[in-house]
C-alpha atoms as a PDB file:
ATOM      1  CA  MET A   1      29.946  37.891 122.582  1.00  0.00           C
ATOM      2  CA  THR A   2      30.421  34.474 124.907  1.00  0.00           C
ATOM      3  CA  ASP A   3      29.829  34.949 128.652  1.00  0.00           C
ATOM      4  CA  VAL A   4      32.153  33.469 131.693  1.00  0.00           C
ATOM      5  CA  ARG A   5      30.136  32.873 134.775  1.00  0.00           C
ATOM      6  CA  MET A   6      31.890  32.239 137.666  1.00  0.00           C
ATOM      7  CA  ILE A   7      30.138  30.670 140.373  1.00  0.00           C
ATOM      8  CA  SER A   8      31.256  30.547 144.035  1.00  0.00           C
ATOM      9  CA  TYR A   9      30.662  27.403 146.140  1.00  0.00           C
ATOM     10  CA  LYS A  10      32.613  28.789 149.064  1.00  0.00           C
ATOM     11  CA  ALA A  11      29.514  28.580 151.264  1.00  0.00           C
ATOM     12  CA  GLU A  12      28.796  24.847 150.422  1.00  0.00           C
ATOM     13  CA  ARG A  13      32.581  24.281 150.788  1.00  0.00           C
ATOM     14  CA  LEU A  14      32.595  26.251 154.319  1.00  0.00           C
ATOM     15  CA  ALA A  15      29.484  24.114 155.396  1.00  0.00           C
ATOM     16  CA  GLU A  16      30.963  21.002 154.464  1.00  0.00           C
ATOM     17  CA  ILE A  17      34.261  21.741 156.036  1.00  0.00           C
ATOM     18  CA  ASN A  18      32.423  22.751 159.507  1.00  0.00           C
ATOM     19  CA  ALA A  19      30.176  19.745 159.367  1.00  0.00           C
ATOM     20  CA  ARG A  20      33.332  17.737 158.883  1.00  0.00           C
ATOM     21  CA  LEU A  21      35.181  19.577 161.946  1.00  0.00           C
ATOM     22  CA  LYS A  22      32.051  18.743 164.112  1.00  0.00           C
ATOM     23  CA  SER A  23      32.105  14.931 162.879  1.00  0.00           C
ATOM     24  CA  ASN A  24      35.542  14.687 163.834  1.00  0.00           C
ATOM     25  CA  MET A  25      35.348  16.709 166.811  1.00  0.00           C
ATOM     26  CA  THR A  26      32.362  14.364 168.436  1.00  0.00           C
ATOM     27  CA  LYS A  27      34.580  11.408 167.315  1.00  0.00           C
ATOM     28  CA  ALA A  28      37.752  13.094 169.560  1.00  0.00           C
ATOM     29  CA  CYS A  29      35.047  13.749 172.524  1.00  0.00           C
ATOM     30  CA  LEU A  30      34.008   9.739 172.392  1.00  0.00           C
ATOM     31  CA  LEU A  31      37.342   8.675 172.418  1.00  0.00           C
ATOM     32  CA  VAL A  32      37.800  10.725 175.650  1.00  0.00           C
ATOM     33  CA  GLU A  33      34.776   9.382 177.188  1.00  0.00           C
ATOM     34  CA  ARG A  34      35.504   5.986 176.454  1.00  0.00           C
ATOM     35  CA  ASP A  35      38.643   6.146 178.136  1.00  0.00           C
ATOM     36  CA  ALA A  36      37.319   8.291 180.945  1.00  0.00           C
ATOM     37  CA  LYS A  37      34.518   5.819 181.768  1.00  0.00           C
ATOM     38  CA  ILE A  38      37.275   2.868 181.590  1.00  0.00           C
ATOM     39  CA  ASN A  39      39.977   4.828 184.258  1.00  0.00           C
ATOM     40  CA  ALA A  40      36.943   6.011 186.485  1.00  0.00           C
ATOM     41  CA  PRO A  41      36.903   4.416 189.804  1.00  0.00           C
ATOM     42  CA  VAL A  42      33.908   2.811 190.804  1.00  0.00           C
ATOM     43  CA  ASP A  43      31.557   1.866 193.591  1.00  0.00           C
ATOM     44  CA  THR A  44      28.246   2.344 192.705  1.00  0.00           C
ATOM     45  CA  GLY A  45      28.807   2.905 188.875  1.00  0.00           C
ATOM     46  CA  ARG A  46      27.438   5.823 189.040  1.00  0.00           C
ATOM     47  CA  LEU A  47      30.116   8.246 188.437  1.00  0.00           C
ATOM     48  CA  ARG A  48      31.056   6.300 185.527  1.00  0.00           C
ATOM     49  CA  ALA A  49      27.173   6.646 184.257  1.00  0.00           C
ATOM     50  CA  SER A  50      27.252   9.745 184.565  1.00  0.00           C
ATOM     51  CA  ILE A  51      30.468  10.875 182.023  1.00  0.00           C
ATOM     52  CA  THR A  52      29.143  12.294 178.859  1.00  0.00           C
ATOM     53  CA  ASN A  53      30.320  14.692 176.038  1.00  0.00           C
ATOM     54  CA  ARG A  54      29.189  17.805 174.192  1.00  0.00           C
ATOM     55  CA  LEU A  55      30.046  20.508 171.564  1.00  0.00           C
ATOM     56  CA  GLU A  56      29.505  24.127 172.221  1.00  0.00           C
ATOM     57  CA  VAL A  57      30.163  26.834 169.982  1.00  0.00           C
ATOM     58  CA  GLU A  58      32.010  30.125 171.016  1.00  0.00           C
ATOM     59  CA  LYS A  59      32.101  33.013 168.733  1.00  0.00           C
ATOM     60  CA  ASP A  60      34.250  31.107 165.840  1.00  0.00           C
ATOM     61  CA  GLN A  61      35.604  28.093 168.052  1.00  0.00           C
ATOM     62  CA  LEU A  62      34.228  24.743 168.513  1.00  0.00           C
ATOM     63  CA  ILE A  63      34.611  23.428 171.809  1.00  0.00           C
ATOM     64  CA  GLY A  64      34.312  19.282 172.821  1.00  0.00           C
ATOM     65  CA  ILE A  65      33.844  19.081 176.331  1.00  0.00           C
ATOM     66  CA  VAL A  66      33.714  15.732 178.422  1.00  0.00           C
ATOM     67  CA  GLY A  67      32.764  15.673 181.613  1.00  0.00           C
ATOM     68  CA  THR A  68      30.206  14.660 184.930  1.00  0.00           C
ATOM     69  CA  ASN A  69      27.874  16.668 186.926  1.00  0.00           C
ATOM     70  CA  VAL A  70      28.045  14.473 189.720  1.00  0.00           C
ATOM     71  CA  GLU A  71      29.591  16.300 192.679  1.00  0.00           C
ATOM     72  CA  TYR A  72      32.348  14.031 193.886  1.00  0.00           C
ATOM     73  CA  ALA A  73      34.214  13.936 190.561  1.00  0.00           C
ATOM     74  CA  PRO A  74      36.294  16.684 191.174  1.00  0.00           C
ATOM     75  CA  TYR A  75      37.360  14.833 194.828  1.00  0.00           C
ATOM     76  CA  GLN A  76      38.131  11.792 192.747  1.00  0.00           C
ATOM     77  CA  GLU A  77      40.001  13.536 189.725  1.00  0.00           C
ATOM     78  CA  PHE A  78      42.366  15.867 191.742  1.00  0.00           C
ATOM     79  CA  GLY A  79      42.128  13.955 195.605  1.00  0.00           C
ATOM     80  CA  THR A  80      41.601  15.835 198.729  1.00  0.00           C
ATOM     81  CA  SER A  81      44.063  16.304 201.976  1.00  0.00           C
ATOM     82  CA  LYS A  82      42.554  13.211 203.247  1.00  0.00           C
ATOM     83  CA  MET A  83      42.319  11.205 199.920  1.00  0.00           C
ATOM     84  CA  PRO A  84      44.754  10.751 197.008  1.00  0.00           C
ATOM     85  CA  ALA A  85      43.835  11.487 193.640  1.00  0.00           C
ATOM     86  CA  HIS A  86      42.174   8.887 191.185  1.00  0.00           C
ATOM     87  CA  PRO A  87      42.264  10.756 187.615  1.00  0.00           C
ATOM     88  CA  PHE A  88      40.282   9.524 184.884  1.00  0.00           C
ATOM     89  CA  LEU A  89      39.210  12.719 183.158  1.00  0.00           C
ATOM     90  CA  TYR A  90      42.995  14.145 182.473  1.00  0.00           C
ATOM     91  CA  PRO A  91      44.755  10.516 181.671  1.00  0.00           C
ATOM     92  CA  ALA A  92      41.711   9.621 179.092  1.00  0.00           C
ATOM     93  CA  LEU A  93      42.764  12.982 177.270  1.00  0.00           C
ATOM     94  CA  GLU A  94      46.395  12.701 177.368  1.00  0.00           C
ATOM     95  CA  ALA A  95      45.826   9.122 176.205  1.00  0.00           C
ATOM     96  CA  ASN A  96      44.084   9.999 173.174  1.00  0.00           C
ATOM     97  CA  LYS A  97      45.953  13.059 172.051  1.00  0.00           C
ATOM     98  CA  SER A  98      47.783  11.529 168.906  1.00  0.00           C
ATOM     99  CA  LYS A  99      44.282  10.114 167.778  1.00  0.00           C
ATOM    100  CA  ILE A 100      42.418  13.884 168.627  1.00  0.00           C
ATOM    101  CA  LYS A 101      45.233  15.896 166.892  1.00  0.00           C
ATOM    102  CA  GLY A 102      44.778  13.109 163.880  1.00  0.00           C
ATOM    103  CA  LEU A 103      41.078  13.653 163.588  1.00  0.00           C
ATOM    104  CA  LEU A 104      41.228  17.454 163.569  1.00  0.00           C
ATOM    105  CA  LYS A 105      44.105  17.449 161.046  1.00  0.00           C
ATOM    106  CA  GLU A 106      41.569  15.329 158.622  1.00  0.00           C
ATOM    107  CA  LYS A 107      40.804  17.020 155.594  1.00  0.00           C
END
Protein backbone atom coordinates (compact mmCIF):
# COMPACT_ATOMS: atom_id res chain seq x y z
CA MET A 1 0.00 0.00 0.00
CA THR A 2 1.25 3.47 -0.83
CA ASP A 3 1.07 6.17 1.81
CA VAL A 4 0.28 9.73 0.92
CA ARG A 5 1.45 12.26 3.43
CA MET A 6 0.13 15.74 3.54
CA ILE A 7 2.20 18.33 5.29
CA SER A 8 0.82 21.65 6.39
CA TYR A 9 3.09 24.62 6.05
CA LYS A 10 0.51 26.92 7.57
CA ALA A 11 2.65 27.95 10.56
CA GLU A 12 5.68 28.67 8.38
CA ARG A 13 3.57 30.56 5.86
CA LEU A 14 1.92 32.66 8.59
CA ALA A 15 5.32 33.48 10.08
CA GLU A 16 6.53 34.58 6.63
CA ILE A 17 3.45 36.74 6.07
CA ASN A 18 3.77 38.32 9.53
CA ALA A 19 7.47 39.07 8.97
CA ARG A 20 6.69 40.71 5.63
CA LEU A 21 3.85 42.72 7.15
CA LYS A 22 6.10 43.89 9.99
CA SER A 23 8.80 44.89 7.52
CA ASN A 24 6.35 46.82 5.34
CA MET A 25 4.73 48.50 8.35
CA THR A 26 8.20 49.61 9.46
CA LYS A 27 8.82 51.05 5.97
CA ALA A 28 5.48 52.87 6.14
CA CYS A 29 6.36 54.36 9.53
CA LEU A 30 9.75 55.47 8.23
CA LEU A 31 8.07 57.30 5.32
CA VAL A 32 5.84 59.22 7.72
CA GLU A 33 8.70 59.86 10.15
CA ARG A 34 10.89 61.25 7.38
CA ASP A 35 8.24 63.67 6.14
CA ALA A 36 7.24 64.68 9.69
CA LYS A 37 10.87 65.63 10.34
CA ILE A 38 10.94 67.65 7.13
CA ASN A 39 7.65 69.38 8.02
CA ALA A 40 8.41 70.00 11.72
CA PRO A 41 8.93 73.63 12.69
CA VAL A 42 12.52 74.24 13.71
CA ASP A 43 13.90 76.58 16.32
CA THR A 44 16.44 74.49 18.22
CA GLY A 45 15.90 71.21 16.33
CA ARG A 46 14.72 69.40 19.47
CA LEU A 47 11.26 68.64 18.07
CA ARG A 48 12.61 67.34 14.77
CA ALA A 49 15.19 65.15 16.50
CA SER A 50 12.59 63.66 18.82
CA ILE A 51 10.30 62.26 16.11
CA THR A 52 10.49 58.47 16.12
CA ASN A 53 8.43 55.44 15.19
CA ARG A 54 7.61 52.09 16.74
CA LEU A 55 5.40 49.07 16.16
CA GLU A 56 3.00 47.68 18.73
CA VAL A 57 0.89 44.55 18.70
CA GLU A 58 -2.55 44.70 20.28
CA LYS A 59 -4.51 41.45 20.13
CA ASP A 60 -4.28 40.54 16.46
CA GLN A 61 -3.42 44.02 15.16
CA LEU A 62 -0.04 45.44 14.19
CA ILE A 63 -0.02 49.18 14.87
CA GLY A 64 2.54 51.63 13.51
CA ILE A 65 3.09 54.73 15.63
CA VAL A 66 4.97 57.86 14.62
CA GLY A 67 5.29 60.63 17.16
CA THR A 68 7.32 62.59 19.63
CA ASN A 69 7.57 62.90 23.39
CA VAL A 70 8.35 66.63 23.30
CA GLU A 71 5.80 68.35 25.53
CA TYR A 72 5.13 71.26 23.15
CA ALA A 73 4.53 69.07 20.08
CA PRO A 74 0.70 69.08 20.40
CA TYR A 75 0.72 72.88 20.52
CA GLN A 76 2.74 72.99 17.32
CA GLU A 77 0.55 70.38 15.61
CA PHE A 78 -2.84 71.82 16.63
CA GLY A 79 -2.08 75.41 17.65
CA THR A 80 -3.44 77.28 20.65
CA SER A 81 -5.70 80.24 21.19
CA LYS A 82 -2.61 82.44 20.91
CA MET A 83 -0.63 80.57 18.26
CA PRO A 84 -1.58 79.14 14.87
CA ALA A 85 -1.08 75.45 14.18
CA HIS A 86 2.10 74.26 12.47
CA PRO A 87 1.08 70.68 11.64
CA PHE A 88 3.87 68.24 10.83
CA LEU A 89 2.58 64.76 11.73
CA TYR A 90 -0.82 64.70 10.02
CA PRO A 91 0.46 66.17 6.73
CA ALA A 92 3.24 63.56 6.72
CA LEU A 93 0.65 60.78 7.03
CA GLU A 94 -1.62 62.29 4.38
CA ALA A 95 1.26 62.78 1.91
CA ASN A 96 2.19 59.10 2.18
CA LYS A 97 -1.23 57.42 2.27
CA SER A 98 -1.04 55.92 -1.21
CA LYS A 99 2.50 54.62 -0.63
CA ILE A 100 1.45 53.14 2.70
CA LYS A 101 -1.56 51.42 1.14
CA GLY A 102 0.71 49.99 -1.54
CA LEU A 103 3.19 48.68 1.02
CA LEU A 104 0.49 47.05 3.10
CA LYS A 105 -1.15 45.45 0.07
CA GLU A 106 2.11 43.86 -1.13
CA LYS A 107 2.01 40.12 -1.36
